[in-house]
Amino acid sequence: MPVYAAYGSNLHPDQMAHRAPHSPRRASGWLTGWRLTFGGEDRGWEGPLATVVEAPQEQVYVALYDITEADEARLDEWEGVGIGLFRKLRVRVHTLDGEVLAWIYVLDDYEGGLPTARYLGMIADAAEAGGAPSDYVESLRRRPCRSNDV
């Protein structure tokens, strides 16, 4: 069964239960050599969208899910794969049980722009609900952002 590495708002268990209801959470881990960023400012519902980019010495907390074929199709639709908003990449995730090969969604657009406070707060809340370490959650809450007026 394919393994999906969720980050951003998909770290929230309730959101994943809605988007991929037949796919159990498997574990959590770190996407090392990557960093969370934002991009595609003109393509998001409220400005820049969360994505990851390669960055040595950085890491992103992820939740791993065993994804059914039907749930993968649902996620692809949510993430806009069919319209070219996000694309899928295979990555290695470091867990307490070793490396796991998984796929992630990466924005197929430029990097740049500040997320709104509301969107950044939603991502931090999702990380907290998804079991991210408190220092990781706090680093999200301290990131630069703009007002919610867009």
Protein backbone atom coordinates (compact mmCIF):
# COMPACT_ATOMS: atom_id res chain seq x y z
CA MET A 1 0.00 0.00 0.00
CA PRO A 2 1.40 3.47 -0.86
CA VAL A 3 2.49 5.70 2.01
CA TYR A 4 1.63 9.39 2.06
CA ALA A 5 3.66 11.91 4.11
CA ALA A 6 1.29 14.67 5.26
CA TYR A 7 2.51 18.12 6.28
CA GLY A 8 0.86 21.52 6.59
CA SER A 9 -2.88 21.44 7.23
CA ASN A 10 -3.01 17.73 6.35
CA LEU A 11 -1.24 17.02 9.65
CA HIS A 12 -4.59 17.51 11.36
CA PRO A 13 -6.13 14.07 12.02
CA ASP A 14 -9.68 15.38 11.53
CA GLN A 15 -8.82 16.80 8.12
CA MET A 16 -7.21 13.54 7.03
CA ALA A 17 -10.18 11.56 8.35
CA HIS A 18 -12.35 13.68 6.05
CA ARG A 19 -10.06 13.63 3.01
CA ALA A 20 -8.83 10.03 3.29
CA PRO A 21 -11.37 8.20 5.48
CA HIS A 22 -10.16 4.68 4.66
CA SER A 23 -6.46 5.32 5.22
CA PRO A 24 -5.03 4.78 8.70
CA ARG A 25 -2.24 6.81 10.19
CA ARG A 26 0.88 4.70 10.28
CA ALA A 27 3.52 6.79 12.08
CA SER A 28 5.16 10.16 12.18
CA GLY A 29 8.63 11.26 11.21
CA TRP A 30 10.85 13.88 9.66
CA LEU A 31 11.41 14.86 6.09
CA THR A 32 15.08 15.74 6.41
CA GLY A 33 16.80 17.98 3.91
CA TRP A 34 13.54 19.87 3.27
CA ARG A 35 11.89 22.98 4.72
CA LEU A 36 8.33 24.23 4.94
CA THR A 37 7.73 27.34 2.88
CA PHE A 38 4.97 29.11 0.97
CA GLY A 39 4.45 29.94 -2.68
CA GLY A 40 2.10 30.46 -5.58
CA GLU A 41 0.61 33.57 -3.99
CA ASP A 42 -1.88 34.17 -6.81
CA ARG A 43 -3.11 30.55 -6.77
CA GLY A 44 -4.21 30.12 -3.16
CA TRP A 45 -7.58 30.83 -1.61
CA GLU A 46 -5.96 33.25 0.82
CA GLY A 47 -2.54 33.89 -0.68
CA PRO A 48 0.55 31.69 -0.67
CA LEU A 49 0.12 27.94 -0.17
CA ALA A 50 2.20 25.69 2.06
CA THR A 51 4.77 23.55 0.30
CA VAL A 52 8.20 22.08 0.91
CA VAL A 53 11.49 22.70 -0.86
CA GLU A 54 14.83 20.96 -0.57
CA ALA A 55 17.08 22.59 2.01
CA PRO A 56 20.10 20.92 3.60
CA GLN A 57 20.16 21.05 7.41
CA GLU A 58 16.38 21.62 7.61
CA GLN A 59 13.52 19.24 8.37
CA VAL A 60 9.73 19.10 8.24
CA TYR A 61 7.52 17.10 10.60
CA VAL A 62 5.17 14.72 8.76
CA ALA A 63 2.48 12.16 9.54
CA LEU A 64 2.55 8.95 7.51
CA TYR A 65 -0.62 7.33 6.20
CA ASP A 66 -1.19 4.01 4.46
CA ILE A 67 -3.31 5.29 1.58
CA THR A 68 -5.93 3.30 -0.27
CA GLU A 69 -6.26 3.79 -4.00
CA ALA A 70 -9.62 5.56 -3.61
CA ASP A 71 -8.29 7.89 -0.91
CA GLU A 72 -5.24 8.70 -3.00
CA ALA A 73 -7.55 9.79 -5.82
CA ARG A 74 -9.52 11.95 -3.35
CA LEU A 75 -6.32 13.56 -2.05
CA ASP A 76 -5.11 14.19 -5.59
CA GLU A 77 -8.35 16.05 -6.27
CA TRP A 78 -8.12 18.07 -3.02
CA GLU A 79 -4.52 19.04 -3.81
CA GLY A 80 -5.24 19.99 -7.42
CA VAL A 81 -2.93 17.46 -9.05
CA GLY A 82 -5.17 17.24 -12.11
CA ILE A 83 -4.99 21.00 -12.71
CA GLY A 84 -1.24 21.22 -12.08
CA LEU A 85 -1.38 23.00 -8.72
CA PHE A 86 0.60 20.34 -6.85
CA ARG A 87 2.66 17.42 -8.07
CA LYS A 88 3.70 14.26 -6.27
CA LEU A 89 7.27 13.36 -5.33
CA ARG A 90 8.73 10.27 -3.71
CA VAL A 91 10.80 11.00 -0.61
CA ARG A 92 12.45 9.23 2.30
CA VAL A 93 11.00 9.94 5.72
CA HIS A 94 13.01 9.26 8.86
CA THR A 95 11.00 7.54 11.61
CA LEU A 96 11.91 5.88 14.89
CA ASP A 97 11.67 2.55 13.04
CA GLY A 98 13.96 3.61 10.18
CA GLU A 99 13.45 5.16 6.76
CA VAL A 100 10.12 4.91 4.98
CA LEU A 101 9.61 5.63 1.29
CA ALA A 102 6.58 7.89 0.88
CA TRP A 103 5.12 10.49 -1.46
CA ILE A 104 4.36 14.14 -0.79
CA TYR A 105 2.60 16.94 -2.61
CA VAL A 106 4.83 19.81 -3.74
CA LEU A 107 3.51 23.07 -5.13
CA ASP A 108 4.24 23.32 -8.84
CA ASP A 109 4.84 27.07 -8.73
CA TYR A 110 7.29 29.65 -7.48
CA GLU A 111 8.32 30.05 -3.86
CA GLY A 112 7.60 33.32 -2.10
CA GLY A 113 5.06 35.39 -0.23
CA LEU A 114 3.84 35.50 3.34
CA PRO A 115 0.88 33.41 4.48
CA THR A 116 -1.96 35.08 6.31
CA ALA A 117 -2.05 34.82 10.09
CA ARG A 118 -5.20 32.68 9.82
CA TYR A 119 -3.61 30.18 7.41
CA LEU A 120 -0.36 29.98 9.39
CA GLY A 121 -2.38 29.49 12.58
CA MET A 122 -4.34 26.69 10.93
CA ILE A 123 -1.08 24.97 9.96
CA ALA A 124 0.35 25.35 13.48
CA ASP A 125 -2.89 23.99 14.99
CA ALA A 126 -2.75 21.03 12.59
CA ALA A 127 0.85 20.32 13.57
CA GLU A 128 -0.09 20.40 17.25
CA ALA A 129 -3.10 18.11 16.71
CA GLY A 130 -0.92 15.83 14.59
CA GLY A 131 1.57 15.26 17.41
CA ALA A 132 4.42 17.52 16.32
CA PRO A 133 6.92 18.42 19.02
CA SER A 134 6.10 21.64 20.86
CA ASP A 135 9.24 23.43 19.64
CA TYR A 136 8.24 22.70 16.04
CA VAL A 137 4.72 24.02 16.65
CA GLU A 138 6.09 27.15 18.34
CA SER A 139 8.46 27.78 15.44
CA LEU A 140 5.43 27.72 13.12
CA ARG A 141 3.56 30.17 15.33
CA ARG A 142 6.54 32.56 15.29
CA ARG A 143 6.93 32.63 11.51
CA PRO A 144 6.39 35.91 9.70
CA CYS A 145 2.88 36.38 8.32
CA ARG A 146 0.55 39.11 7.13
CA SER A 147 -2.83 40.25 8.37
CA ASN A 148 -5.90 38.30 7.36
CA ASP A 149 -7.02 41.14 5.08
CA VAL A 150 -6.26 40.00 1.54
